[in-house]
Amino acid sequence: MPVIEQAIETAALMLGSDRSRGYCLEMICADFLAGANLDHGDPEILLFAVTRFFKFLPEEQRRAFYEGLSESHLEAN
């Protein structure tokens, strides 16, 4: 139980203290499933997790993320 409580508290710090414990637990599980499915699993689960987390980024970090994608796209071409 102490590990679970620490994980939920950490998630609440990352997601915002106004989030419910259940929501924090959902995000922890989504993160776990995304990591567990990177090699052999369903890429839709990874997309779901990334999309959910992206929504919680502040606007400045969202822009930085987009810029990083643009730079990666330019480097790939």
PDB file of N, CA and C in Angstrom:
ATOM      1  N   MET A   1       0.806  -1.208   0.000  1.00  0.00           N
ATOM      2  CA  MET A   1       0.000   0.000   0.000  1.00  0.00           C
ATOM      3  C   MET A   1       0.849   1.273   0.000  1.00  0.00           C
ATOM      4  N   PRO A   2       1.979   1.315   0.716  1.00  0.00           N
ATOM      5  CA  PRO A   2       2.765   2.554   0.702  1.00  0.00           C
ATOM      6  C   PRO A   2       3.243   2.940  -0.705  1.00  0.00           C
ATOM      7  N   VAL A   3       3.584   1.949  -1.523  1.00  0.00           N
ATOM      8  CA  VAL A   3       4.034   2.240  -2.891  1.00  0.00           C
ATOM      9  C   VAL A   3       2.881   2.821  -3.708  1.00  0.00           C
ATOM     10  N   ILE A   4       1.704   2.273  -3.539  1.00  0.00           N
ATOM     11  CA  ILE A   4       0.531   2.767  -4.256  1.00  0.00           C
ATOM     12  C   ILE A   4       0.215   4.196  -3.845  1.00  0.00           C
ATOM     13  N   GLU A   5       0.248   4.456  -2.547  1.00  0.00           N
ATOM     14  CA  GLU A   5      -0.025   5.805  -2.050  1.00  0.00           C
ATOM     15  C   GLU A   5       0.993   6.806  -2.588  1.00  0.00           C
ATOM     16  N   GLN A   6       2.267   6.408  -2.608  1.00  0.00           N
ATOM     17  CA  GLN A   6       3.312   7.302  -3.115  1.00  0.00           C
ATOM     18  C   GLN A   6       3.099   7.571  -4.608  1.00  0.00           C
ATOM     19  N   ALA A   7       2.732   6.552  -5.364  1.00  0.00           N
ATOM     20  CA  ALA A   7       2.491   6.729  -6.795  1.00  0.00           C
ATOM     21  C   ALA A   7       1.310   7.668  -7.042  1.00  0.00           C
ATOM     22  N   ILE A   8       0.250   7.514  -6.274  1.00  0.00           N
ATOM     23  CA  ILE A   8      -0.919   8.385  -6.435  1.00  0.00           C
ATOM     24  C   ILE A   8      -0.576   9.816  -6.046  1.00  0.00           C
ATOM     25  N   GLU A   9       0.180   9.997  -4.977  1.00  0.00           N
ATOM     26  CA  GLU A   9       0.595  11.346  -4.568  1.00  0.00           C
ATOM     27  C   GLU A   9       1.473  11.998  -5.628  1.00  0.00           C
ATOM     28  N   THR A  10       2.388  11.227  -6.196  1.00  0.00           N
ATOM     29  CA  THR A  10       3.261  11.756  -7.241  1.00  0.00           C
ATOM     30  C   THR A  10       2.452  12.130  -8.478  1.00  0.00           C
ATOM     31  N   ALA A  11       1.512  11.277  -8.857  1.00  0.00           N
ATOM     32  CA  ALA A  11       0.655  11.574 -10.009  1.00  0.00           C
ATOM     33  C   ALA A  11      -0.161  12.834  -9.748  1.00  0.00           C
ATOM     34  N   ALA A  12      -0.651  13.010  -8.537  1.00  0.00           N
ATOM     35  CA  ALA A  12      -1.422  14.205  -8.204  1.00  0.00           C
ATOM     36  C   ALA A  12      -0.571  15.456  -8.341  1.00  0.00           C
ATOM     37  N   LEU A  13       0.697  15.373  -7.975  1.00  0.00           N
ATOM     38  CA  LEU A  13       1.598  16.518  -8.145  1.00  0.00           C
ATOM     39  C   LEU A  13       1.789  16.839  -9.625  1.00  0.00           C
ATOM     40  N   MET A  14       1.904  15.814 -10.440  1.00  0.00           N
ATOM     41  CA  MET A  14       2.123  16.009 -11.871  1.00  0.00           C
ATOM     42  C   MET A  14       0.856  16.472 -12.589  1.00  0.00           C
ATOM     43  N   LEU A  15      -0.275  15.944 -12.199  1.00  0.00           N
ATOM     44  CA  LEU A  15      -1.531  16.214 -12.896  1.00  0.00           C
ATOM     45  C   LEU A  15      -2.299  17.388 -12.317  1.00  0.00           C
ATOM     46  N   GLY A  16      -1.952  17.765 -11.114  1.00  0.00           N
ATOM     47  CA  GLY A  16      -2.679  18.831 -10.429  1.00  0.00           C
ATOM     48  C   GLY A  16      -3.427  18.266  -9.248  1.00  0.00           C
ATOM     49  N   SER A  17      -3.329  18.944  -8.142  1.00  0.00           N
ATOM     50  CA  SER A  17      -3.906  18.426  -6.899  1.00  0.00           C
ATOM     51  C   SER A  17      -5.428  18.381  -6.926  1.00  0.00           C
ATOM     52  N   ASP A  18      -6.041  19.027  -7.924  1.00  0.00           N
ATOM     53  CA  ASP A  18      -7.502  19.006  -8.004  1.00  0.00           C
ATOM     54  C   ASP A  18      -8.030  17.713  -8.635  1.00  0.00           C
ATOM     55  N   ARG A  19      -7.127  16.852  -9.092  1.00  0.00           N
ATOM     56  CA  ARG A  19      -7.540  15.593  -9.707  1.00  0.00           C
ATOM     57  C   ARG A  19      -7.882  14.562  -8.634  1.00  0.00           C
ATOM     58  N   SER A  20      -8.856  13.723  -8.927  1.00  0.00           N
ATOM     59  CA  SER A  20      -9.261  12.700  -7.961  1.00  0.00           C
ATOM     60  C   SER A  20      -8.225  11.589  -7.908  1.00  0.00           C
ATOM     61  N   ARG A  21      -8.244  10.853  -6.832  1.00  0.00           N
ATOM     62  CA  ARG A  21      -7.326   9.718  -6.676  1.00  0.00           C
ATOM     63  C   ARG A  21      -7.573   8.681  -7.772  1.00  0.00           C
ATOM     64  N   GLY A  22      -8.847   8.478  -8.105  1.00  0.00           N
ATOM     65  CA  GLY A  22      -9.181   7.525  -9.162  1.00  0.00           C
ATOM     66  C   GLY A  22      -8.613   7.946 -10.504  1.00  0.00           C
ATOM     67  N   TYR A  23      -8.688   9.230 -10.794  1.00  0.00           N
ATOM     68  CA  TYR A  23      -8.138   9.742 -12.048  1.00  0.00           C
ATOM     69  C   TYR A  23      -6.631   9.570 -12.070  1.00  0.00           C
ATOM     70  N   CYS A  24      -5.968   9.867 -10.955  1.00  0.00           N
ATOM     71  CA  CYS A  24      -4.520   9.681 -10.860  1.00  0.00           C
ATOM     72  C   CYS A  24      -4.159   8.221 -11.086  1.00  0.00           C
ATOM     73  N   LEU A  25      -4.916   7.325 -10.509  1.00  0.00           N
ATOM     74  CA  LEU A  25      -4.665   5.904 -10.693  1.00  0.00           C
ATOM     75  C   LEU A  25      -4.871   5.502 -12.155  1.00  0.00           C
ATOM     76  N   GLU A  26      -5.882   6.076 -12.803  1.00  0.00           N
ATOM     77  CA  GLU A  26      -6.113   5.804 -14.225  1.00  0.00           C
ATOM     78  C   GLU A  26      -4.897   6.227 -15.056  1.00  0.00           C
ATOM     79  N   MET A  27      -4.325   7.377 -14.764  1.00  0.00           N
ATOM     80  CA  MET A  27      -3.163   7.864 -15.499  1.00  0.00           C
ATOM     81  C   MET A  27      -1.935   6.987 -15.249  1.00  0.00           C
ATOM     82  N   ILE A  28      -1.773   6.527 -14.017  1.00  0.00           N
ATOM     83  CA  ILE A  28      -0.667   5.614 -13.696  1.00  0.00           C
ATOM     84  C   ILE A  28      -0.813   4.337 -14.517  1.00  0.00           C
ATOM     85  N   CYS A  29      -2.022   3.800 -14.578  1.00  0.00           N
ATOM     86  CA  CYS A  29      -2.268   2.570 -15.336  1.00  0.00           C
ATOM     87  C   CYS A  29      -2.053   2.799 -16.836  1.00  0.00           C
ATOM     88  N   ALA A  30      -2.505   3.934 -17.364  1.00  0.00           N
ATOM     89  CA  ALA A  30      -2.311   4.233 -18.784  1.00  0.00           C
ATOM     90  C   ALA A  30      -0.828   4.333 -19.109  1.00  0.00           C
ATOM     91  N   ASP A  31      -0.071   4.951 -18.221  1.00  0.00           N
ATOM     92  CA  ASP A  31       1.373   5.064 -18.420  1.00  0.00           C
ATOM     93  C   ASP A  31       2.022   3.686 -18.403  1.00  0.00           C
ATOM     94  N   PHE A  32       1.612   2.861 -17.474  1.00  0.00           N
ATOM     95  CA  PHE A  32       2.151   1.498 -17.389  1.00  0.00           C
ATOM     96  C   PHE A  32       1.836   0.710 -18.655  1.00  0.00           C
ATOM     97  N   LEU A  33       0.584   0.766 -19.094  1.00  0.00           N
ATOM     98  CA  LEU A  33       0.201   0.023 -20.293  1.00  0.00           C
ATOM     99  C   LEU A  33       0.935   0.519 -21.520  1.00  0.00           C
ATOM    100  N   ALA A  34       1.142   1.813 -21.614  1.00  0.00           N
ATOM    101  CA  ALA A  34       1.885   2.362 -22.752  1.00  0.00           C
ATOM    102  C   ALA A  34       3.304   1.822 -22.752  1.00  0.00           C
ATOM    103  N   GLY A  35       3.951   1.827 -21.610  1.00  0.00           N
ATOM    104  CA  GLY A  35       5.309   1.315 -21.519  1.00  0.00           C
ATOM    105  C   GLY A  35       5.376  -0.181 -21.767  1.00  0.00           C
ATOM    106  N   ALA A  36       4.413  -0.903 -21.267  1.00  0.00           N
ATOM    107  CA  ALA A  36       4.400  -2.354 -21.412  1.00  0.00           C
ATOM    108  C   ALA A  36       4.112  -2.776 -22.844  1.00  0.00           C
ATOM    109  N   ASN A  37       3.513  -1.904 -23.615  1.00  0.00           N
ATOM    110  CA  ASN A  37       3.128  -2.253 -24.983  1.00  0.00           C
ATOM    111  C   ASN A  37       4.027  -1.632 -26.043  1.00  0.00           C
ATOM    112  N   LEU A  38       5.135  -1.060 -25.660  1.00  0.00           N
ATOM    113  CA  LEU A  38       5.999  -0.416 -26.638  1.00  0.00           C
ATOM    114  C   LEU A  38       6.563  -1.398 -27.661  1.00  0.00           C
ATOM    115  N   ASP A  39       6.968  -2.557 -27.229  1.00  0.00           N
ATOM    116  CA  ASP A  39       7.629  -3.491 -28.136  1.00  0.00           C
ATOM    117  C   ASP A  39       6.680  -4.409 -28.892  1.00  0.00           C
ATOM    118  N   HIS A  40       5.718  -4.985 -28.192  1.00  0.00           N
ATOM    119  CA  HIS A  40       4.925  -6.043 -28.812  1.00  0.00           C
ATOM    120  C   HIS A  40       3.426  -5.800 -28.744  1.00  0.00           C
ATOM    121  N   GLY A  41       3.022  -4.675 -28.271  1.00  0.00           N
ATOM    122  CA  GLY A  41       1.600  -4.494 -28.024  1.00  0.00           C
ATOM    123  C   GLY A  41       0.903  -3.636 -29.051  1.00  0.00           C
ATOM    124  N   ASP A  42      -0.239  -3.204 -28.670  1.00  0.00           N
ATOM    125  CA  ASP A  42      -1.112  -2.400 -29.506  1.00  0.00           C
ATOM    126  C   ASP A  42      -0.652  -0.944 -29.478  1.00  0.00           C
ATOM    127  N   PRO A  43      -0.252  -0.375 -30.606  1.00  0.00           N
ATOM    128  CA  PRO A  43       0.196   1.020 -30.612  1.00  0.00           C
ATOM    129  C   PRO A  43      -0.919   1.996 -30.243  1.00  0.00           C
ATOM    130  N   GLU A  44      -2.165   1.556 -30.340  1.00  0.00           N
ATOM    131  CA  GLU A  44      -3.282   2.418 -29.957  1.00  0.00           C
ATOM    132  C   GLU A  44      -3.234   2.746 -28.463  1.00  0.00           C
ATOM    133  N   ILE A  45      -2.749   1.819 -27.654  1.00  0.00           N
ATOM    134  CA  ILE A  45      -2.649   2.066 -26.215  1.00  0.00           C
ATOM    135  C   ILE A  45      -1.614   3.156 -25.951  1.00  0.00           C
ATOM    136  N   LEU A  46      -0.494   3.091 -26.655  1.00  0.00           N
ATOM    137  CA  LEU A  46       0.521   4.135 -26.510  1.00  0.00           C
ATOM    138  C   LEU A  46      -0.032   5.481 -26.949  1.00  0.00           C
ATOM    139  N   LEU A  47      -0.725   5.514 -28.071  1.00  0.00           N
ATOM    140  CA  LEU A  47      -1.325   6.757 -28.551  1.00  0.00           C
ATOM    141  C   LEU A  47      -2.320   7.308 -27.542  1.00  0.00           C
ATOM    142  N   PHE A  48      -3.135   6.445 -26.962  1.00  0.00           N
ATOM    143  CA  PHE A  48      -4.105   6.858 -25.946  1.00  0.00           C
ATOM    144  C   PHE A  48      -3.397   7.525 -24.766  1.00  0.00           C
ATOM    145  N   ALA A  49      -2.328   6.877 -24.271  1.00  0.00           N
ATOM    146  CA  ALA A  49      -1.616   7.410 -23.109  1.00  0.00           C
ATOM    147  C   ALA A  49      -0.958   8.743 -23.430  1.00  0.00           C
ATOM    148  N   VAL A  50      -0.299   8.836 -24.572  1.00  0.00           N
ATOM    149  CA  VAL A  50       0.374  10.087 -24.943  1.00  0.00           C
ATOM    150  C   VAL A  50      -0.642  11.206 -25.098  1.00  0.00           C
ATOM    151  N   THR A  51      -1.764  10.899 -25.729  1.00  0.00           N
ATOM    152  CA  THR A  51      -2.810  11.904 -25.920  1.00  0.00           C
ATOM    153  C   THR A  51      -3.361  12.392 -24.592  1.00  0.00           C
ATOM    154  N   ARG A  52      -3.592  11.471 -23.671  1.00  0.00           N
ATOM    155  CA  ARG A  52      -4.125  11.854 -22.358  1.00  0.00           C
ATOM    156  C   ARG A  52      -3.148  12.754 -21.609  1.00  0.00           C
ATOM    157  N   PHE A  53      -1.866  12.389 -21.636  1.00  0.00           N
ATOM    158  CA  PHE A  53      -0.862  13.186 -20.925  1.00  0.00           C
ATOM    159  C   PHE A  53      -0.651  14.539 -21.586  1.00  0.00           C
ATOM    160  N   PHE A  54      -0.699  14.581 -22.909  1.00  0.00           N
ATOM    161  CA  PHE A  54      -0.492  15.830 -23.635  1.00  0.00           C
ATOM    162  C   PHE A  54      -1.501  16.894 -23.206  1.00  0.00           C
ATOM    163  N   LYS A  55      -2.714  16.471 -22.951  1.00  0.00           N
ATOM    164  CA  LYS A  55      -3.777  17.406 -22.564  1.00  0.00           C
ATOM    165  C   LYS A  55      -3.458  18.152 -21.272  1.00  0.00           C
ATOM    166  N   PHE A  56      -2.576  17.608 -20.450  1.00  0.00           N
ATOM    167  CA  PHE A  56      -2.265  18.222 -19.169  1.00  0.00           C
ATOM    168  C   PHE A  56      -1.040  19.124 -19.213  1.00  0.00           C
ATOM    169  N   LEU A  57      -0.379  19.178 -20.354  1.00  0.00           N
ATOM    170  CA  LEU A  57       0.792  20.049 -20.467  1.00  0.00           C
ATOM    171  C   LEU A  57       0.359  21.508 -20.499  1.00  0.00           C
ATOM    172  N   PRO A  58       1.105  22.375 -19.845  1.00  0.00           N
ATOM    173  CA  PRO A  58       0.843  23.806 -19.997  1.00  0.00           C
ATOM    174  C   PRO A  58       1.089  24.222 -21.449  1.00  0.00           C
ATOM    175  N   GLU A  59       0.501  25.307 -21.865  1.00  0.00           N
ATOM    176  CA  GLU A  59       0.574  25.750 -23.267  1.00  0.00           C
ATOM    177  C   GLU A  59       2.018  25.885 -23.754  1.00  0.00           C
ATOM    178  N   GLU A  60       2.896  26.416 -22.920  1.00  0.00           N
ATOM    179  CA  GLU A  60       4.294  26.588 -23.319  1.00  0.00           C
ATOM    180  C   GLU A  60       4.950  25.244 -23.642  1.00  0.00           C
ATOM    181  N   GLN A  61       4.663  24.243 -22.836  1.00  0.00           N
ATOM    182  CA  GLN A  61       5.231  22.924 -23.080  1.00  0.00           C
ATOM    183  C   GLN A  61       4.592  22.250 -24.290  1.00  0.00           C
ATOM    184  N   ARG A  62       3.326  22.528 -24.540  1.00  0.00           N
ATOM    185  CA  ARG A  62       2.688  22.005 -25.749  1.00  0.00           C
ATOM    186  C   ARG A  62       3.379  22.556 -26.991  1.00  0.00           C
ATOM    187  N   ARG A  63       3.665  23.878 -26.981  1.00  0.00           N
ATOM    188  CA  ARG A  63       4.361  24.484 -28.115  1.00  0.00           C
ATOM    189  C   ARG A  63       5.738  23.863 -28.299  1.00  0.00           C
ATOM    190  N   ALA A  64       6.457  23.650 -27.198  1.00  0.00           N
ATOM    191  CA  ALA A  64       7.785  23.044 -27.274  1.00  0.00           C
ATOM    192  C   ALA A  64       7.683  21.631 -27.850  1.00  0.00           C
ATOM    193  N   PHE A  65       6.649  20.919 -27.479  1.00  0.00           N
ATOM    194  CA  PHE A  65       6.430  19.576 -28.012  1.00  0.00           C
ATOM    195  C   PHE A  65       6.211  19.636 -29.528  1.00  0.00           C
ATOM    196  N   TYR A  66       5.335  20.545 -29.965  1.00  0.00           N
ATOM    197  CA  TYR A  66       5.081  20.703 -31.399  1.00  0.00           C
ATOM    198  C   TYR A  66       6.356  21.074 -32.147  1.00  0.00           C
ATOM    199  N   GLU A  67       7.133  21.972 -31.567  1.00  0.00           N
ATOM    200  CA  GLU A  67       8.390  22.382 -32.208  1.00  0.00           C
ATOM    201  C   GLU A  67       9.336  21.198 -32.336  1.00  0.00           C
ATOM    202  N   GLY A  68       9.396  20.368 -31.303  1.00  0.00           N
ATOM    203  CA  GLY A  68      10.220  19.171 -31.363  1.00  0.00           C
ATOM    204  C   GLY A  68       9.767  18.220 -32.454  1.00  0.00           C
ATOM    205  N   LEU A  69       8.448  18.101 -32.631  1.00  0.00           N
ATOM    206  CA  LEU A  69       7.935  17.259 -33.714  1.00  0.00           C
ATOM    207  C   LEU A  69       8.316  17.831 -35.065  1.00  0.00           C
ATOM    208  N   SER A  70       8.212  19.151 -35.209  1.00  0.00           N
ATOM    209  CA  SER A  70       8.559  19.792 -36.470  1.00  0.00           C
ATOM    210  C   SER A  70      10.025  19.591 -36.791  1.00  0.00           C
ATOM    211  N   GLU A  71      10.895  19.735 -35.782  1.00  0.00           N
ATOM    212  CA  GLU A  71      12.334  19.527 -35.985  1.00  0.00           C
ATOM    213  C   GLU A  71      12.624  18.082 -36.354  1.00  0.00           C
ATOM    214  N   SER A  72      11.963  17.136 -35.714  1.00  0.00           N
ATOM    215  CA  SER A  72      12.157  15.722 -36.028  1.00  0.00           C
ATOM    216  C   SER A  72      11.736  15.425 -37.456  1.00  0.00           C
ATOM    217  N   HIS A  73      10.638  16.053 -37.883  1.00  0.00           N
ATOM    218  CA  HIS A  73      10.130  15.840 -39.237  1.00  0.00           C
ATOM    219  C   HIS A  73      11.137  16.386 -40.252  1.00  0.00           C
ATOM    220  N   LEU A  74      11.703  17.554 -39.985  1.00  0.00           N
ATOM    221  CA  LEU A  74      12.689  18.141 -40.886  1.00  0.00           C
ATOM    222  C   LEU A  74      13.953  17.298 -40.969  1.00  0.00           C
ATOM    223  N   GLU A  75      14.390  16.755 -39.831  1.00  0.00           N
ATOM    224  CA  GLU A  75      15.585  15.921 -39.812  1.00  0.00           C
ATOM    225  C   GLU A  75      15.363  14.616 -40.555  1.00  0.00           C
ATOM    226  N   ALA A  76      14.156  14.088 -40.513  1.00  0.00           N
ATOM    227  CA  ALA A  76      13.852  12.811 -41.167  1.00  0.00           C
ATOM    228  C   ALA A  76      13.843  12.961 -42.692  1.00  0.00           C
ATOM    229  N   ASN A  77      13.573  14.155 -43.173  1.00  0.00           N
ATOM    230  CA  ASN A  77      13.501  14.369 -44.640  1.00  0.00           C
ATOM    231  C   ASN A  77      14.810  14.799 -45.151  1.00  0.00           C
TER     232      ASN A  77
END
